Structure formats: structure tokens, C-alpha cells
């Protein structure tokens, strides 16, 4: 396998550099030449691994979404019911997004810019999870273990609470005059959102 001077696989390093650049500049403003330069290879070498910018972007986003999907599967692996299971998945989601800031920015850019994967692969990964979550919450509501609400809207509320806070961190910092991404601030936000949803959902 081709490796860099530091020993990291070239393909993995390309994805790492591309992830950061796509998150910072968006798909259209990201240059394959700049990615190749930062990795320390020629453009043709980059194209050997990823024949187009679209395929490189796809590799970046799908790698992150696959990791997210695996985390959700692990979080729902234990057969809990009612709020404890909802809280377990929410905590896993917050932890993942808090430690994958570049994925948050990529998702935001996909949504705002209508990126090249918005209606295809992203939907392929996220919609089944969304539908499974809706079905679980509705089942728990039917069993009386959760209060009756619009399940889809509840999930969107939780999703938005996590992603909006993280993606809007620079603006929030000016509002609070404090670092919103510090461990203490993240914990405060996480527990606040969980408390709001707990009060809404617990019978």
C-alpha cells in the first residue's frame, strides 16, 4: 500500500485532507490541486485513487455516514424501552457530532448549497435510520411509555438542536462571550436538550 513519509496510507490522508477542505470551503470551492499539494503528491496520483472530485467527496461523506450508522446501531443494540432508549441514542448522537465537527459542517453545506449527494447517498443512509426512529417512538407512544407527540417532528427537533448549536458555534460564542465548544459548554447544552426532551416525552 502506498504510504506517506509519516507512514499513513496515501488514500486515507487524501480523504482526511479533503474532509477538512470540503468542510471549510464547500464542494465547489475545493480544488483537487490544493488537496494534492497538501498531501504531498501530484494531481495524477490523487486521481489514481479518486478519478474525480465527485468520487472523492462521496468517499469523504460516506465514510463519516457509515461511522455514524454503526454508532446508531450500537446505541440501539440493547433492548431498552421508553425514555431510557431515546436518551441512549441521543447521547450517542451528541457525542458523535461533538467529535466530528467537520461532518456537521459538511451536512450543513449539503443542505444549504444543495451539494452533489443531498438527494442520493445521504438519503440512502439517513432515511432508513429516520424511519426506524419514528417507528420506535410511535411504538413506545402506543404502549404508553412515551407521551403522544408527532414522532417525526420530535426527531427533527433533536437533530436540529445538536447540529444547529455546533454549526453556529462562532455566532453563539459572540452571544455568550464564552467558548460554546468547550467540554463544559457542550455538556451544559447536551444536558439541557436532553432535559427538555425528557420532560416532553416521559409520561
Protein backbone atom coordinates (compact mmCIF):
# COMPACT_ATOMS: atom_id res chain seq x y z
CA UNK A 1 0.00 0.00 0.00
CA UNK A 2 1.29 3.47 -0.86
CA UNK A 3 2.19 5.46 2.24
CA UNK A 4 3.30 8.95 3.10
CA UNK A 5 6.56 9.79 4.81
CA UNK A 6 4.74 9.68 8.14
CA UNK A 7 3.54 6.15 7.40
CA UNK A 8 -0.13 6.99 6.88
CA UNK A 9 -1.77 5.45 3.83
CA UNK A 10 -1.93 7.96 0.99
CA UNK A 11 -5.58 7.22 0.26
CA UNK A 12 -6.52 7.75 3.90
CA UNK A 13 -4.56 11.01 4.02
CA UNK A 14 -6.27 12.25 0.86
CA UNK A 15 -9.65 11.64 2.49
CA UNK A 16 -8.54 13.36 5.70
CA UNK A 17 -7.30 16.47 3.89
CA UNK A 18 -10.31 16.54 1.58
CA UNK A 19 -12.71 16.26 4.51
CA UNK A 20 -11.26 19.36 6.12
CA UNK A 21 -11.17 21.36 2.89
CA UNK A 22 -14.69 20.39 1.84
CA UNK A 23 -15.94 21.34 5.30
CA UNK A 24 -14.14 24.69 5.27
CA UNK A 25 -14.75 25.75 1.66
CA UNK A 26 -17.58 23.64 0.27
CA UNK A 27 -17.55 21.32 -2.72
CA UNK A 28 -17.36 23.92 -5.50
CA UNK A 29 -14.55 25.95 -3.93
CA UNK A 30 -12.37 22.96 -3.10
CA UNK A 31 -9.51 22.31 -5.51
CA UNK A 32 -8.05 18.88 -6.21
CA UNK A 33 -4.71 20.58 -6.88
CA UNK A 34 -4.69 22.09 -3.39
CA UNK A 35 -5.60 18.75 -1.82
CA UNK A 36 -2.82 17.02 -3.74
CA UNK A 37 -0.31 19.72 -2.74
CA UNK A 38 -1.18 19.40 0.94
CA UNK A 39 -0.95 15.62 0.82
CA UNK A 40 2.40 15.94 -0.98
CA UNK A 41 1.51 14.11 -4.17
CA UNK A 42 0.83 15.01 -7.79
CA UNK A 43 -2.72 15.58 -9.01
CA UNK A 44 -2.41 12.47 -11.20
CA UNK A 45 -1.57 10.39 -8.15
CA UNK A 46 -4.67 11.71 -6.41
CA UNK A 47 -6.77 10.86 -9.47
CA UNK A 48 -5.38 7.34 -9.36
CA UNK A 49 -7.14 6.88 -6.01
CA UNK A 50 -10.17 9.04 -6.77
CA UNK A 51 -10.84 9.61 -10.51
CA UNK A 52 -12.96 12.72 -9.89
CA UNK A 53 -13.71 15.33 -7.26
CA UNK A 54 -17.25 13.94 -7.00
CA UNK A 55 -15.93 10.48 -6.11
CA UNK A 56 -13.55 11.92 -3.53
CA UNK A 57 -16.38 13.91 -1.96
CA UNK A 58 -18.52 10.79 -1.95
CA UNK A 59 -15.77 8.84 -0.17
CA UNK A 60 -15.44 11.55 2.48
CA UNK A 61 -19.14 11.81 3.22
CA UNK A 62 -19.94 8.10 3.04
CA UNK A 63 -17.05 7.24 5.37
CA UNK A 64 -18.44 9.58 8.00
CA UNK A 65 -22.03 8.45 7.48
CA UNK A 66 -21.02 4.80 7.73
CA UNK A 67 -19.34 5.53 11.07
CA UNK A 68 -22.47 7.37 12.21
CA UNK A 69 -24.68 4.45 11.15
CA UNK A 70 -22.51 2.00 13.08
CA UNK A 71 -22.75 4.18 16.19
CA UNK A 72 -26.55 4.28 15.97
CA UNK A 73 -26.69 0.51 15.50
CA UNK A 74 -24.56 0.08 18.62
CA UNK A 75 -26.71 2.51 20.60
CA UNK A 76 -29.92 0.64 19.78
CA UNK A 77 -28.32 -2.75 20.31
CA UNK A 78 -29.61 -3.09 23.86
CA UNK A 79 -33.32 -3.78 24.11
CA UNK A 80 -34.37 -0.80 26.23
CA UNK A 81 -37.78 0.82 26.21
CA UNK A 82 -39.27 4.26 26.56
CA UNK A 83 -37.16 7.27 27.52
CA UNK A 84 -34.01 5.29 28.53
CA UNK A 85 -33.62 4.08 24.95
CA UNK A 86 -34.31 7.52 23.48
CA UNK A 87 -31.75 9.05 25.83
CA UNK A 88 -29.18 6.37 24.95
CA UNK A 89 -29.44 7.16 21.23
CA UNK A 90 -29.47 10.93 21.80
CA UNK A 91 -26.34 10.80 23.92
CA UNK A 92 -24.60 8.74 21.26
CA UNK A 93 -25.65 11.26 18.61
CA UNK A 94 -24.43 14.25 20.61
CA UNK A 95 -21.10 12.57 21.34
CA UNK A 96 -20.58 11.70 17.68
CA UNK A 97 -21.42 15.14 16.34
CA UNK A 98 -19.36 16.87 19.04
CA UNK A 99 -16.28 14.90 17.98
CA UNK A 100 -16.94 15.14 14.21
CA UNK A 101 -17.27 18.88 13.66
CA UNK A 102 -16.24 18.58 10.01
CA UNK A 103 -19.14 16.20 9.31
CA UNK A 104 -21.52 18.75 10.85
CA UNK A 105 -20.22 21.43 8.51
CA UNK A 106 -20.43 19.05 5.53
CA UNK A 107 -24.06 18.21 6.29
CA UNK A 108 -24.87 21.90 6.68
CA UNK A 109 -23.23 22.70 3.35
CA UNK A 110 -25.12 19.85 1.68
CA UNK A 111 -28.38 21.27 3.00
CA UNK A 112 -27.64 24.93 2.20
CA UNK A 113 -25.78 24.54 -1.07
CA UNK A 114 -27.65 21.55 -2.47
CA UNK A 115 -24.46 19.52 -2.62
CA UNK A 116 -23.92 16.68 -5.07
CA UNK A 117 -25.02 13.97 -2.63
CA UNK A 118 -28.02 15.60 -0.96
CA UNK A 119 -30.69 13.58 -2.75
CA UNK A 120 -28.86 10.29 -3.26
CA UNK A 121 -26.35 8.72 -0.89
CA UNK A 122 -27.21 10.93 2.09
CA UNK A 123 -30.84 9.92 1.80
CA UNK A 124 -29.83 6.30 1.38
CA UNK A 125 -28.00 6.35 4.71
CA UNK A 126 -30.16 8.66 6.78
CA UNK A 127 -33.74 7.94 5.73
CA UNK A 128 -33.84 4.30 6.93
CA UNK A 129 -32.49 5.40 10.32
CA UNK A 130 -35.01 8.22 10.48
CA UNK A 131 -37.89 5.86 9.64
CA UNK A 132 -36.69 3.32 12.19
CA UNK A 133 -36.54 6.02 14.88
CA UNK A 134 -40.04 7.24 14.02
CA UNK A 135 -41.38 3.68 14.20
CA UNK A 136 -39.73 3.09 17.59
CA UNK A 137 -41.09 6.29 19.12
CA UNK A 138 -44.58 5.65 17.78
CA UNK A 139 -44.49 2.10 19.16
CA UNK A 140 -43.43 3.37 22.57
CA UNK A 141 -46.18 6.00 22.48
CA UNK A 142 -48.76 3.35 21.62
CA UNK A 143 -47.51 1.31 24.60
CA UNK A 144 -47.88 4.32 26.91
CA UNK A 145 -44.18 4.55 27.69
CA UNK A 146 -43.83 7.92 25.96
CA UNK A 147 -46.21 10.85 25.68
CA UNK A 148 -48.04 11.29 22.41
CA UNK A 149 -46.33 13.71 20.01
CA UNK A 150 -45.55 13.89 16.32
CA UNK A 151 -42.63 11.43 16.27
CA UNK A 152 -41.05 12.79 13.09
CA UNK A 153 -41.07 16.34 14.42
CA UNK A 154 -39.53 15.24 17.71
CA UNK A 155 -36.64 13.62 15.89
CA UNK A 156 -36.13 16.73 13.78
CA UNK A 157 -36.10 18.80 16.97
CA UNK A 158 -33.35 16.68 18.50
CA UNK A 159 -31.38 16.58 15.26
CA UNK A 160 -31.64 20.34 14.82
CA UNK A 161 -30.70 21.04 18.43
CA UNK A 162 -27.43 19.16 18.02
CA UNK A 163 -26.41 20.31 14.56
CA UNK A 164 -27.51 23.95 14.82
CA UNK A 165 -25.61 24.52 18.05
CA UNK A 166 -22.41 23.01 16.67
CA UNK A 167 -22.57 24.65 13.25
CA UNK A 168 -23.49 28.05 14.72
CA UNK A 169 -20.74 27.98 17.35
CA UNK A 170 -19.00 31.19 16.14
CA UNK A 171 -22.26 33.15 16.39
CA UNK A 172 -23.17 31.58 19.76
CA UNK A 173 -19.73 32.49 21.10
CA UNK A 174 -20.49 36.15 20.46
CA UNK A 175 -23.86 35.83 22.20
CA UNK A 176 -22.49 34.13 25.30
CA UNK A 177 -18.99 35.62 25.35
CA UNK A 178 -17.72 32.12 26.06
CA UNK A 179 -16.44 29.14 24.08
CA UNK A 180 -19.56 27.11 23.16
CA UNK A 181 -17.38 24.13 22.18
CA UNK A 182 -15.56 23.78 25.49
CA UNK A 183 -16.24 20.48 27.29
CA UNK A 184 -18.23 22.28 29.99
CA UNK A 185 -20.36 24.21 27.47
CA UNK A 186 -21.03 21.11 25.39
CA UNK A 187 -22.12 19.20 28.48
CA UNK A 188 -24.42 22.05 29.55
CA UNK A 189 -26.03 22.16 26.11
CA UNK A 190 -26.32 18.38 25.86
CA UNK A 191 -27.97 18.04 29.28
CA UNK A 192 -30.31 20.95 28.56
CA UNK A 193 -31.60 19.40 25.33
CA UNK A 194 -31.98 16.00 27.00
CA UNK A 195 -33.87 17.58 29.88
CA UNK A 196 -36.26 19.39 27.53
CA UNK A 197 -36.98 16.23 25.55
CA UNK A 198 -37.26 14.13 28.72
CA UNK A 199 -39.89 16.50 30.12
CA UNK A 200 -41.77 16.34 26.84
CA UNK A 201 -41.68 12.58 26.43
CA UNK A 202 -41.81 10.95 29.84
CA UNK A 203 -45.41 10.14 30.87
